[in-house]
């Protein structure tokens, strides 16, 4: 007998874009914000979910909360400011190497 979590997981598996996730959870969004930050929003959403208590399976309300928060992070900010991906994070002790020093 399938449980509600199985149905929820099946529905989530069908979602393919940030817009589909936001629509599914009933979160109003500005398409321009999502257009520019869709991968960052989804990664931040994933990061928030990963911080859930170990062994605690998030439910619909938790997913909705974390997705709304992930989206809100980018409404008044930018990918560069939020530093979701490593490309935007300054690694401690890193140095700048000019391209001219790499060509012989």
N, C-alpha and C. Protein backbone atom coordinates (compact mmCIF):
# COMPACT_ATOMS: atom_id res chain seq x y z
N UNK A 1 0.84 -1.18 0.00
CA UNK A 1 0.00 0.00 0.00
C UNK A 1 0.88 1.25 0.00
N UNK A 2 0.80 2.10 -1.04
CA UNK A 2 1.64 3.29 -1.10
C UNK A 2 1.24 4.30 -0.03
N UNK A 3 2.24 4.96 0.52
CA UNK A 3 1.96 5.98 1.53
C UNK A 3 2.03 7.37 0.89
N UNK A 4 1.62 8.37 1.63
CA UNK A 4 1.59 9.74 1.13
C UNK A 4 2.98 10.21 0.71
N UNK A 5 4.03 9.78 1.43
CA UNK A 5 5.39 10.17 1.08
C UNK A 5 5.80 9.62 -0.27
N UNK A 6 5.33 8.40 -0.62
CA UNK A 6 5.64 7.83 -1.92
C UNK A 6 5.01 8.68 -3.03
N UNK A 7 3.76 9.08 -2.83
CA UNK A 7 3.06 9.92 -3.81
C UNK A 7 3.77 11.27 -3.95
N UNK A 8 4.16 11.87 -2.84
CA UNK A 8 4.87 13.14 -2.84
C UNK A 8 6.20 13.01 -3.58
N UNK A 9 6.94 11.95 -3.30
CA UNK A 9 8.22 11.71 -3.97
C UNK A 9 8.03 11.53 -5.47
N UNK A 10 6.98 10.82 -5.86
CA UNK A 10 6.69 10.63 -7.28
C UNK A 10 6.39 11.96 -7.97
N UNK A 11 5.61 12.79 -7.29
CA UNK A 11 5.29 14.11 -7.86
C UNK A 11 6.54 14.97 -8.00
N UNK A 12 7.41 14.94 -7.00
CA UNK A 12 8.64 15.72 -7.06
C UNK A 12 9.53 15.25 -8.20
N UNK A 13 9.57 13.95 -8.43
CA UNK A 13 10.40 13.39 -9.48
C UNK A 13 9.98 13.88 -10.87
N UNK A 14 8.75 14.31 -10.99
CA UNK A 14 8.24 14.80 -12.27
C UNK A 14 8.61 16.25 -12.55
N UNK A 15 9.05 16.98 -11.53
CA UNK A 15 9.37 18.40 -11.69
C UNK A 15 10.75 18.55 -12.31
N UNK A 16 10.86 19.42 -13.31
CA UNK A 16 12.11 19.54 -14.05
C UNK A 16 12.77 20.92 -13.99
N UNK A 17 12.04 21.94 -13.64
CA UNK A 17 12.62 23.28 -13.67
C UNK A 17 12.29 24.02 -12.37
N UNK A 18 13.02 25.09 -12.16
CA UNK A 18 12.77 25.92 -10.98
C UNK A 18 11.34 26.44 -11.00
N UNK A 19 10.87 26.83 -12.19
CA UNK A 19 9.51 27.33 -12.31
C UNK A 19 8.49 26.26 -11.94
N UNK A 20 8.73 25.02 -12.35
CA UNK A 20 7.81 23.93 -12.00
C UNK A 20 7.79 23.69 -10.50
N UNK A 21 8.95 23.75 -9.85
CA UNK A 21 9.00 23.59 -8.40
C UNK A 21 8.23 24.72 -7.72
N UNK A 22 8.48 25.96 -8.14
CA UNK A 22 7.81 27.10 -7.53
C UNK A 22 6.30 27.03 -7.74
N UNK A 23 5.87 26.65 -8.94
CA UNK A 23 4.44 26.50 -9.21
C UNK A 23 3.84 25.39 -8.35
N UNK A 24 4.52 24.26 -8.28
CA UNK A 24 4.02 23.11 -7.53
C UNK A 24 3.78 23.47 -6.06
N UNK A 25 4.69 24.23 -5.49
CA UNK A 25 4.57 24.60 -4.08
C UNK A 25 3.79 25.90 -3.86
N UNK A 26 3.24 26.45 -4.94
CA UNK A 26 2.39 27.63 -4.82
C UNK A 26 3.12 28.88 -4.39
N UNK A 27 4.36 29.02 -4.82
CA UNK A 27 5.17 30.17 -4.45
C UNK A 27 5.14 31.18 -5.59
N UNK A 28 4.64 32.39 -5.30
CA UNK A 28 4.65 33.45 -6.31
C UNK A 28 6.09 33.83 -6.59
N UNK A 29 6.38 34.06 -7.87
CA UNK A 29 7.76 34.41 -8.21
C UNK A 29 7.79 35.36 -9.40
N UNK A 30 8.88 36.10 -9.48
CA UNK A 30 9.15 36.99 -10.60
C UNK A 30 9.97 36.17 -11.60
N UNK A 31 9.45 36.00 -12.79
CA UNK A 31 10.13 35.19 -13.80
C UNK A 31 11.53 35.71 -14.11
N UNK A 32 11.73 37.03 -14.01
CA UNK A 32 13.06 37.59 -14.29
C UNK A 32 14.08 37.15 -13.24
N UNK A 33 13.67 37.05 -12.00
CA UNK A 33 14.58 36.59 -10.94
C UNK A 33 14.95 35.13 -11.18
N UNK A 34 13.96 34.33 -11.52
CA UNK A 34 14.20 32.91 -11.75
C UNK A 34 15.03 32.70 -13.01
N UNK A 35 14.76 33.46 -14.05
CA UNK A 35 15.50 33.33 -15.31
C UNK A 35 17.00 33.47 -15.08
N UNK A 36 17.39 34.41 -14.27
CA UNK A 36 18.80 34.70 -14.03
C UNK A 36 19.42 33.75 -12.99
N UNK A 37 18.60 33.27 -12.04
CA UNK A 37 19.15 32.54 -10.89
C UNK A 37 18.62 31.13 -10.71
N UNK A 38 18.01 30.52 -11.72
CA UNK A 38 17.33 29.24 -11.53
C UNK A 38 18.22 28.16 -10.93
N UNK A 39 19.42 27.99 -11.42
CA UNK A 39 20.30 26.96 -10.88
C UNK A 39 20.73 27.27 -9.46
N UNK A 40 20.95 28.55 -9.20
CA UNK A 40 21.36 28.97 -7.86
C UNK A 40 20.23 28.75 -6.85
N UNK A 41 19.00 29.04 -7.27
CA UNK A 41 17.85 28.83 -6.39
C UNK A 41 17.69 27.35 -6.07
N UNK A 42 17.76 26.51 -7.09
CA UNK A 42 17.61 25.07 -6.86
C UNK A 42 18.75 24.51 -6.01
N UNK A 43 19.97 25.00 -6.23
CA UNK A 43 21.09 24.52 -5.41
C UNK A 43 20.93 24.96 -3.96
N UNK A 44 20.52 26.21 -3.75
CA UNK A 44 20.31 26.70 -2.38
C UNK A 44 19.20 25.89 -1.71
N UNK A 45 18.13 25.60 -2.45
CA UNK A 45 17.03 24.76 -1.96
C UNK A 45 17.58 23.40 -1.54
N UNK A 46 18.39 22.80 -2.38
CA UNK A 46 19.02 21.51 -2.06
C UNK A 46 19.88 21.63 -0.81
N UNK A 47 20.65 22.70 -0.71
CA UNK A 47 21.52 22.90 0.46
C UNK A 47 20.70 23.03 1.74
N UNK A 48 19.60 23.77 1.68
CA UNK A 48 18.73 23.91 2.85
C UNK A 48 18.16 22.55 3.26
N UNK A 49 17.71 21.78 2.28
CA UNK A 49 17.15 20.45 2.59
C UNK A 49 18.21 19.53 3.19
N UNK A 50 19.44 19.64 2.69
CA UNK A 50 20.52 18.80 3.20
C UNK A 50 20.85 19.09 4.66
N UNK A 51 20.52 20.29 5.13
CA UNK A 51 20.79 20.65 6.52
C UNK A 51 19.70 20.20 7.47
N UNK A 52 18.65 19.56 6.94
CA UNK A 52 17.58 19.03 7.80
C UNK A 52 18.19 18.04 8.79
N UNK A 53 17.50 17.83 9.86
CA UNK A 53 17.96 16.88 10.85
C UNK A 53 18.18 15.52 10.20
N UNK A 54 19.26 14.85 10.58
CA UNK A 54 19.56 13.53 10.03
C UNK A 54 18.39 12.58 10.31
N UNK A 55 18.00 11.85 9.30
CA UNK A 55 16.92 10.89 9.46
C UNK A 55 15.53 11.49 9.38
N UNK A 56 15.45 12.82 9.30
CA UNK A 56 14.14 13.48 9.22
C UNK A 56 13.82 13.72 7.76
N UNK A 57 12.77 13.09 7.27
CA UNK A 57 12.35 13.26 5.89
C UNK A 57 11.47 14.49 5.79
N UNK A 58 11.91 15.52 5.05
CA UNK A 58 11.09 16.73 4.93
C UNK A 58 9.75 16.42 4.27
N UNK A 59 8.72 17.09 4.71
CA UNK A 59 7.40 16.91 4.13
C UNK A 59 7.08 18.10 3.22
N UNK A 60 5.89 18.12 2.68
CA UNK A 60 5.48 19.16 1.75
C UNK A 60 5.70 20.55 2.34
N UNK A 61 5.30 20.76 3.57
CA UNK A 61 5.43 22.07 4.20
C UNK A 61 6.89 22.49 4.34
N UNK A 62 7.76 21.54 4.69
CA UNK A 62 9.18 21.86 4.82
C UNK A 62 9.79 22.20 3.47
N UNK A 63 9.46 21.41 2.45
CA UNK A 63 9.95 21.70 1.10
C UNK A 63 9.49 23.09 0.66
N UNK A 64 8.23 23.39 0.89
CA UNK A 64 7.69 24.68 0.50
C UNK A 64 8.42 25.81 1.21
N UNK A 65 8.64 25.64 2.50
CA UNK A 65 9.35 26.65 3.29
C UNK A 65 10.76 26.89 2.75
N UNK A 66 11.52 25.82 2.53
CA UNK A 66 12.91 25.96 2.10
C UNK A 66 13.01 26.49 0.67
N UNK A 67 12.09 26.11 -0.20
CA UNK A 67 12.11 26.64 -1.56
C UNK A 67 11.78 28.13 -1.55
N UNK A 68 10.79 28.53 -0.77
CA UNK A 68 10.45 29.95 -0.66
C UNK A 68 11.63 30.74 -0.12
N UNK A 69 12.32 30.18 0.84
CA UNK A 69 13.49 30.87 1.40
C UNK A 69 14.62 30.95 0.37
N UNK A 70 14.85 29.86 -0.36
CA UNK A 70 15.90 29.86 -1.39
C UNK A 70 15.59 30.91 -2.46
N UNK A 71 14.34 30.97 -2.90
CA UNK A 71 13.95 31.97 -3.89
C UNK A 71 14.15 33.38 -3.32
N UNK A 72 13.69 33.60 -2.10
CA UNK A 72 13.79 34.92 -1.47
C UNK A 72 15.24 35.38 -1.35
N UNK A 73 16.16 34.44 -1.17
CA UNK A 73 17.58 34.79 -1.07
C UNK A 73 18.07 35.54 -2.31
N UNK A 74 17.44 35.28 -3.46
CA UNK A 74 17.90 35.88 -4.71
C UNK A 74 17.04 37.03 -5.20
N UNK A 75 15.97 37.34 -4.50
CA UNK A 75 15.10 38.44 -4.93
C UNK A 75 15.84 39.77 -4.82
N UNK A 76 16.52 40.00 -3.75
CA UNK A 76 17.23 41.25 -3.56
C UNK A 76 18.73 41.10 -3.58
N UNK A 77 19.20 40.00 -4.13
CA UNK A 77 20.63 39.71 -4.12
C UNK A 77 21.04 39.18 -5.48
N UNK A 78 22.25 38.68 -5.56
CA UNK A 78 22.75 38.14 -6.82
C UNK A 78 23.51 36.84 -6.55
N UNK A 79 23.76 36.12 -7.61
CA UNK A 79 24.51 34.87 -7.50
C UNK A 79 25.91 35.15 -6.94
N UNK A 80 26.52 36.25 -7.37
CA UNK A 80 27.85 36.60 -6.88
C UNK A 80 27.84 36.88 -5.38
N UNK A 81 26.79 37.54 -4.90
CA UNK A 81 26.69 37.87 -3.48
C UNK A 81 26.39 36.64 -2.63
N UNK A 82 25.52 35.79 -3.13
CA UNK A 82 25.09 34.61 -2.37
C UNK A 82 26.12 33.49 -2.35
N UNK A 83 26.98 33.44 -3.35
CA UNK A 83 28.09 32.47 -3.41
C UNK A 83 27.63 31.03 -3.20
N UNK A 84 26.63 30.60 -3.96
CA UNK A 84 26.12 29.24 -3.85
C UNK A 84 27.11 28.24 -4.42
N UNK A 85 27.67 28.57 -5.58
CA UNK A 85 28.59 27.66 -6.25
C UNK A 85 30.03 28.05 -5.98
N UNK A 86 30.91 27.08 -6.03
CA UNK A 86 32.32 27.28 -5.70
C UNK A 86 32.97 28.35 -6.58
N UNK A 87 32.52 28.52 -7.80
CA UNK A 87 33.12 29.50 -8.68
C UNK A 87 33.02 30.92 -8.10
N UNK A 88 32.04 31.16 -7.23
CA UNK A 88 31.87 32.47 -6.62
C UNK A 88 32.51 32.57 -5.24
N UNK A 89 33.07 31.51 -4.76
CA UNK A 89 33.65 31.50 -3.42
C UNK A 89 35.16 31.67 -3.53
N UNK A 90 35.69 32.55 -2.72
CA UNK A 90 37.13 32.74 -2.71
C UNK A 90 37.74 31.69 -1.79
N UNK A 91 38.61 30.92 -2.35
CA UNK A 91 39.27 29.88 -1.58
C UNK A 91 40.37 30.52 -0.75
N UNK A 92 40.40 30.18 0.52
CA UNK A 92 41.40 30.73 1.43
C UNK A 92 42.80 30.35 0.94
N UNK A 93 43.66 31.35 0.83
CA UNK A 93 45.03 31.10 0.41
C UNK A 93 45.20 31.04 -1.09
N UNK A 94 44.14 31.30 -1.85
CA UNK A 94 44.26 31.26 -3.31
C UNK A 94 44.98 32.50 -3.80
N UNK A 95 45.59 32.38 -4.94
CA UNK A 95 46.33 33.48 -5.53
C UNK A 95 45.89 33.69 -6.96
N UNK A 96 46.05 34.89 -7.42
CA UNK A 96 45.76 35.22 -8.82
C UNK A 96 46.99 34.90 -9.64
N UNK A 97 46.81 34.18 -10.72
CA UNK A 97 47.89 33.88 -11.64
C UNK A 97 47.50 34.45 -12.99
N UNK A 98 48.24 35.46 -13.45
CA UNK A 98 47.88 36.06 -14.74
C UNK A 98 48.09 35.07 -15.89
N UNK A 99 47.23 35.17 -16.87
CA UNK A 99 47.32 34.29 -18.03
C UNK A 99 48.67 34.42 -18.73
N UNK A 100 49.22 35.62 -18.76
CA UNK A 100 50.50 35.84 -19.44
C UNK A 100 51.63 35.02 -18.81
N UNK A 101 51.51 34.67 -17.54
CA UNK A 101 52.57 33.88 -16.91
C UNK A 101 52.47 32.40 -17.29
N UNK A 102 51.35 32.00 -17.88
CA UNK A 102 51.18 30.61 -18.27
C UNK A 102 51.64 30.34 -19.69
N UNK A 103 51.77 31.38 -20.48
CA UNK A 103 52.22 31.19 -21.85
C UNK A 103 53.72 31.42 -21.89
N UNK A 104 54.36 30.58 -22.60
CA UNK A 104 55.81 30.55 -22.56
C UNK A 104 56.48 31.55 -23.35
